């Protein structure tokens, strides 16, 4: 039997089964190789570890419960507006992004400088901004998608 330029010995479909099974076995081993290579990568490829301490002295001036949102300015459907809720306690920032359950953690300085890190394993978030008495504002983006925009929060309780 001749198929795609190859001559197969034997009769009918049985002679086609051997190349088919060898191909499947080869694909299986190739997929195992790629899976093992992928699993060797850190599970948190986009996660930046929270340092032990900030590069400044944190302040309690902004302590309280905060709520707000981040909005994408590119109109990407995969980057919908999302609530950002959380607290600042003893200068330590802990915010939650409702869209994908990511957490932002870091510190705030007396001058309102924010140092924020994301725990997202899917999105390479980066947030920057500043604070006034009862407002936080800034820019945000994602390193692995065309998402970026602004964010703002208001203090709802002390």
C-alpha atoms as a PDB file:
ATOM      1  CA  UNK A   1       0.000   0.000   0.000  1.00  0.00           C
ATOM      2  CA  UNK A   2       1.342   3.494  -0.863  1.00  0.00           C
ATOM      3  CA  UNK A   3       0.359   6.639   1.066  1.00  0.00           C
ATOM      4  CA  UNK A   4       1.977  10.103   0.928  1.00  0.00           C
ATOM      5  CA  UNK A   5       5.029   8.737  -0.841  1.00  0.00           C
ATOM      6  CA  UNK A   6       5.542   5.886   1.631  1.00  0.00           C
ATOM      7  CA  UNK A   7       5.137   2.225   0.785  1.00  0.00           C
ATOM      8  CA  UNK A   8       3.614   0.107   3.524  1.00  0.00           C
ATOM      9  CA  UNK A   9       4.037  -3.617   3.620  1.00  0.00           C
ATOM     10  CA  UNK A  10       1.028  -5.642   4.577  1.00  0.00           C
ATOM     11  CA  UNK A  11      -2.639  -5.394   3.949  1.00  0.00           C
ATOM     12  CA  UNK A  12      -5.021  -2.519   4.516  1.00  0.00           C
ATOM     13  CA  UNK A  13      -5.407  -0.453   7.644  1.00  0.00           C
ATOM     14  CA  UNK A  14      -3.261  -2.685   9.860  1.00  0.00           C
ATOM     15  CA  UNK A  15      -0.121  -1.605   8.035  1.00  0.00           C
ATOM     16  CA  UNK A  16      -1.024   2.045   8.725  1.00  0.00           C
ATOM     17  CA  UNK A  17      -1.412   1.462  12.457  1.00  0.00           C
ATOM     18  CA  UNK A  18       2.319   1.070  13.216  1.00  0.00           C
ATOM     19  CA  UNK A  19       3.384   4.526  11.958  1.00  0.00           C
ATOM     20  CA  UNK A  20       0.341   6.050  13.615  1.00  0.00           C
ATOM     21  CA  UNK A  21       1.191   4.566  17.039  1.00  0.00           C
ATOM     22  CA  UNK A  22       4.879   5.457  16.727  1.00  0.00           C
ATOM     23  CA  UNK A  23       3.846   9.037  15.941  1.00  0.00           C
ATOM     24  CA  UNK A  24       1.545   9.131  18.984  1.00  0.00           C
ATOM     25  CA  UNK A  25       4.293   7.774  21.217  1.00  0.00           C
ATOM     26  CA  UNK A  26       6.722  10.365  19.870  1.00  0.00           C
ATOM     27  CA  UNK A  27       4.251  13.194  20.458  1.00  0.00           C
ATOM     28  CA  UNK A  28       3.649  11.928  23.981  1.00  0.00           C
ATOM     29  CA  UNK A  29       7.365  12.057  24.827  1.00  0.00           C
ATOM     30  CA  UNK A  30       7.740  15.490  23.238  1.00  0.00           C
ATOM     31  CA  UNK A  31       4.820  16.780  25.334  1.00  0.00           C
ATOM     32  CA  UNK A  32       6.428  15.303  28.471  1.00  0.00           C
ATOM     33  CA  UNK A  33       9.658  17.118  27.649  1.00  0.00           C
ATOM     34  CA  UNK A  34       7.923  20.479  27.196  1.00  0.00           C
ATOM     35  CA  UNK A  35       5.804  19.994  30.322  1.00  0.00           C
ATOM     36  CA  UNK A  36       8.888  19.224  32.412  1.00  0.00           C
ATOM     37  CA  UNK A  37      10.673  22.266  30.964  1.00  0.00           C
ATOM     38  CA  UNK A  38       7.644  24.466  31.707  1.00  0.00           C
ATOM     39  CA  UNK A  39       7.297  23.174  35.264  1.00  0.00           C
ATOM     40  CA  UNK A  40      10.968  23.957  35.870  1.00  0.00           C
ATOM     41  CA  UNK A  41      10.114  27.658  35.529  1.00  0.00           C
ATOM     42  CA  UNK A  42       9.146  29.449  38.720  1.00  0.00           C
ATOM     43  CA  UNK A  43       5.408  29.178  39.339  1.00  0.00           C
ATOM     44  CA  UNK A  44       5.309  32.915  39.926  1.00  0.00           C
ATOM     45  CA  UNK A  45       6.827  34.188  36.700  1.00  0.00           C
ATOM     46  CA  UNK A  46       5.157  37.606  37.069  1.00  0.00           C
ATOM     47  CA  UNK A  47       5.139  37.792  40.834  1.00  0.00           C
ATOM     48  CA  UNK A  48       7.738  40.108  42.358  1.00  0.00           C
ATOM     49  CA  UNK A  49       8.623  39.070  45.878  1.00  0.00           C
ATOM     50  CA  UNK A  50       7.685  41.464  48.631  1.00  0.00           C
ATOM     51  CA  UNK A  51      10.936  42.658  50.208  1.00  0.00           C
ATOM     52  CA  UNK A  52      11.502  42.248  53.927  1.00  0.00           C
ATOM     53  CA  UNK A  53      11.414  46.025  54.400  1.00  0.00           C
ATOM     54  CA  UNK A  54      10.647  49.102  52.287  1.00  0.00           C
ATOM     55  CA  UNK A  55      13.286  51.536  51.038  1.00  0.00           C
ATOM     56  CA  UNK A  56      11.846  54.224  53.370  1.00  0.00           C
ATOM     57  CA  UNK A  57      10.311  54.512  56.826  1.00  0.00           C
ATOM     58  CA  UNK A  58       6.573  53.664  56.650  1.00  0.00           C
ATOM     59  CA  UNK A  59       4.059  55.994  58.250  1.00  0.00           C
ATOM     60  CA  UNK A  60       0.761  55.536  60.051  1.00  0.00           C
ATOM     61  CA  UNK A  61      -0.604  58.801  58.568  1.00  0.00           C
ATOM     62  CA  UNK A  62      -2.566  56.914  55.905  1.00  0.00           C
ATOM     63  CA  UNK A  63      -3.786  54.021  58.058  1.00  0.00           C
ATOM     64  CA  UNK A  64      -7.393  53.014  57.490  1.00  0.00           C
ATOM     65  CA  UNK A  65      -9.744  51.168  55.174  1.00  0.00           C
ATOM     66  CA  UNK A  66      -9.593  52.169  51.505  1.00  0.00           C
ATOM     67  CA  UNK A  67     -11.736  51.488  48.464  1.00  0.00           C
ATOM     68  CA  UNK A  68     -11.588  52.496  44.829  1.00  0.00           C
ATOM     69  CA  UNK A  69     -11.004  51.101  41.361  1.00  0.00           C
ATOM     70  CA  UNK A  70      -8.559  50.755  38.522  1.00  0.00           C
ATOM     71  CA  UNK A  71      -9.627  51.530  34.974  1.00  0.00           C
ATOM     72  CA  UNK A  72      -7.995  50.456  31.708  1.00  0.00           C
ATOM     73  CA  UNK A  73      -7.467  53.282  29.232  1.00  0.00           C
ATOM     74  CA  UNK A  74      -6.882  51.004  26.214  1.00  0.00           C
ATOM     75  CA  UNK A  75     -10.389  49.538  26.096  1.00  0.00           C
ATOM     76  CA  UNK A  76      -9.155  45.936  26.335  1.00  0.00           C
ATOM     77  CA  UNK A  77     -11.954  43.480  27.125  1.00  0.00           C
ATOM     78  CA  UNK A  78      -9.548  41.322  29.122  1.00  0.00           C
ATOM     79  CA  UNK A  79      -8.839  44.315  31.386  1.00  0.00           C
ATOM     80  CA  UNK A  80     -12.224  45.408  32.741  1.00  0.00           C
ATOM     81  CA  UNK A  81     -12.518  48.083  35.429  1.00  0.00           C
ATOM     82  CA  UNK A  82     -12.166  46.476  38.825  1.00  0.00           C
ATOM     83  CA  UNK A  83     -12.696  47.347  42.457  1.00  0.00           C
ATOM     84  CA  UNK A  84      -9.626  47.718  44.616  1.00  0.00           C
ATOM     85  CA  UNK A  85     -10.321  47.304  48.341  1.00  0.00           C
ATOM     86  CA  UNK A  86      -8.055  47.040  51.336  1.00  0.00           C
ATOM     87  CA  UNK A  87      -6.300  48.480  54.327  1.00  0.00           C
ATOM     88  CA  UNK A  88      -3.215  50.336  55.382  1.00  0.00           C
ATOM     89  CA  UNK A  89      -2.068  49.412  58.914  1.00  0.00           C
ATOM     90  CA  UNK A  90       1.118  50.798  60.475  1.00  0.00           C
ATOM     91  CA  UNK A  91       2.137  51.932  56.983  1.00  0.00           C
ATOM     92  CA  UNK A  92       1.721  48.433  55.506  1.00  0.00           C
ATOM     93  CA  UNK A  93      -0.496  48.389  52.384  1.00  0.00           C
ATOM     94  CA  UNK A  94      -2.705  45.366  51.655  1.00  0.00           C
ATOM     95  CA  UNK A  95      -5.127  45.791  48.742  1.00  0.00           C
ATOM     96  CA  UNK A  96      -7.246  43.265  46.859  1.00  0.00           C
ATOM     97  CA  UNK A  97      -8.152  43.519  43.139  1.00  0.00           C
ATOM     98  CA  UNK A  98     -11.641  42.040  42.769  1.00  0.00           C
ATOM     99  CA  UNK A  99     -11.384  41.200  39.044  1.00  0.00           C
ATOM    100  CA  UNK A 100      -8.822  38.423  39.465  1.00  0.00           C
ATOM    101  CA  UNK A 101      -8.312  38.085  43.242  1.00  0.00           C
ATOM    102  CA  UNK A 102      -4.781  39.482  43.076  1.00  0.00           C
ATOM    103  CA  UNK A 103      -3.280  41.077  46.139  1.00  0.00           C
ATOM    104  CA  UNK A 104      -1.151  44.210  46.221  1.00  0.00           C
ATOM    105  CA  UNK A 105       1.120  44.610  49.237  1.00  0.00           C
ATOM    106  CA  UNK A 106       3.736  47.117  50.232  1.00  0.00           C
ATOM    107  CA  UNK A 107       4.281  50.305  52.193  1.00  0.00           C
ATOM    108  CA  UNK A 108       3.527  54.011  52.186  1.00  0.00           C
ATOM    109  CA  UNK A 109       5.885  56.790  53.277  1.00  0.00           C
ATOM    110  CA  UNK A 110       5.171  60.031  55.137  1.00  0.00           C
ATOM    111  CA  UNK A 111       5.382  61.918  51.819  1.00  0.00           C
ATOM    112  CA  UNK A 112       2.772  59.580  50.289  1.00  0.00           C
ATOM    113  CA  UNK A 113       5.231  57.528  48.238  1.00  0.00           C
ATOM    114  CA  UNK A 114       3.900  54.033  47.560  1.00  0.00           C
ATOM    115  CA  UNK A 115       5.991  50.899  47.172  1.00  0.00           C
ATOM    116  CA  UNK A 116       3.559  48.186  45.978  1.00  0.00           C
ATOM    117  CA  UNK A 117       4.108  44.570  44.864  1.00  0.00           C
ATOM    118  CA  UNK A 118       1.653  42.105  43.283  1.00  0.00           C
ATOM    119  CA  UNK A 119       1.169  38.412  44.061  1.00  0.00           C
ATOM    120  CA  UNK A 120      -0.492  37.697  40.685  1.00  0.00           C
ATOM    121  CA  UNK A 121       0.893  34.603  38.980  1.00  0.00           C
ATOM    122  CA  UNK A 122      -0.958  35.458  35.769  1.00  0.00           C
ATOM    123  CA  UNK A 123      -0.570  39.218  35.355  1.00  0.00           C
ATOM    124  CA  UNK A 124       2.601  41.279  35.652  1.00  0.00           C
ATOM    125  CA  UNK A 125       0.929  44.154  37.495  1.00  0.00           C
ATOM    126  CA  UNK A 126       2.848  47.307  38.310  1.00  0.00           C
ATOM    127  CA  UNK A 127       1.195  50.067  40.314  1.00  0.00           C
ATOM    128  CA  UNK A 128       2.657  53.457  41.101  1.00  0.00           C
ATOM    129  CA  UNK A 129       1.100  56.451  42.740  1.00  0.00           C
ATOM    130  CA  UNK A 130       0.958  58.923  45.520  1.00  0.00           C
ATOM    131  CA  UNK A 131      -1.251  59.777  48.464  1.00  0.00           C
ATOM    132  CA  UNK A 132      -2.808  62.823  49.972  1.00  0.00           C
ATOM    133  CA  UNK A 133      -4.773  62.891  53.225  1.00  0.00           C
ATOM    134  CA  UNK A 134      -7.786  60.796  52.097  1.00  0.00           C
ATOM    135  CA  UNK A 135      -6.962  59.867  48.475  1.00  0.00           C
ATOM    136  CA  UNK A 136      -4.594  57.559  46.635  1.00  0.00           C
ATOM    137  CA  UNK A 137      -4.099  58.038  42.889  1.00  0.00           C
ATOM    138  CA  UNK A 138      -1.742  56.681  40.311  1.00  0.00           C
ATOM    139  CA  UNK A 139      -1.019  54.718  37.185  1.00  0.00           C
ATOM    140  CA  UNK A 140      -1.080  50.971  36.651  1.00  0.00           C
ATOM    141  CA  UNK A 141      -0.167  48.570  33.903  1.00  0.00           C
ATOM    142  CA  UNK A 142       0.428  44.949  33.068  1.00  0.00           C
ATOM    143  CA  UNK A 143       3.743  43.807  31.621  1.00  0.00           C
ATOM    144  CA  UNK A 144       2.254  40.852  29.726  1.00  0.00           C
ATOM    145  CA  UNK A 145      -0.847  42.486  28.193  1.00  0.00           C
ATOM    146  CA  UNK A 146      -1.873  45.764  26.566  1.00  0.00           C
ATOM    147  CA  UNK A 147      -3.581  46.927  29.761  1.00  0.00           C
ATOM    148  CA  UNK A 148      -2.778  50.168  31.528  1.00  0.00           C
ATOM    149  CA  UNK A 149      -4.576  53.109  32.996  1.00  0.00           C
ATOM    150  CA  UNK A 150      -5.250  54.942  36.197  1.00  0.00           C
ATOM    151  CA  UNK A 151      -6.382  53.929  39.658  1.00  0.00           C
ATOM    152  CA  UNK A 152      -7.761  55.835  42.595  1.00  0.00           C
ATOM    153  CA  UNK A 153      -8.897  55.055  46.116  1.00  0.00           C
ATOM    154  CA  UNK A 154     -10.545  56.937  48.955  1.00  0.00           C
ATOM    155  CA  UNK A 155     -10.187  56.347  52.666  1.00  0.00           C
ATOM    156  CA  UNK A 156     -13.541  55.209  54.044  1.00  0.00           C
ATOM    157  CA  UNK A 157     -12.529  54.794  57.689  1.00  0.00           C
ATOM    158  CA  UNK A 158      -9.543  55.359  59.948  1.00  0.00           C
END
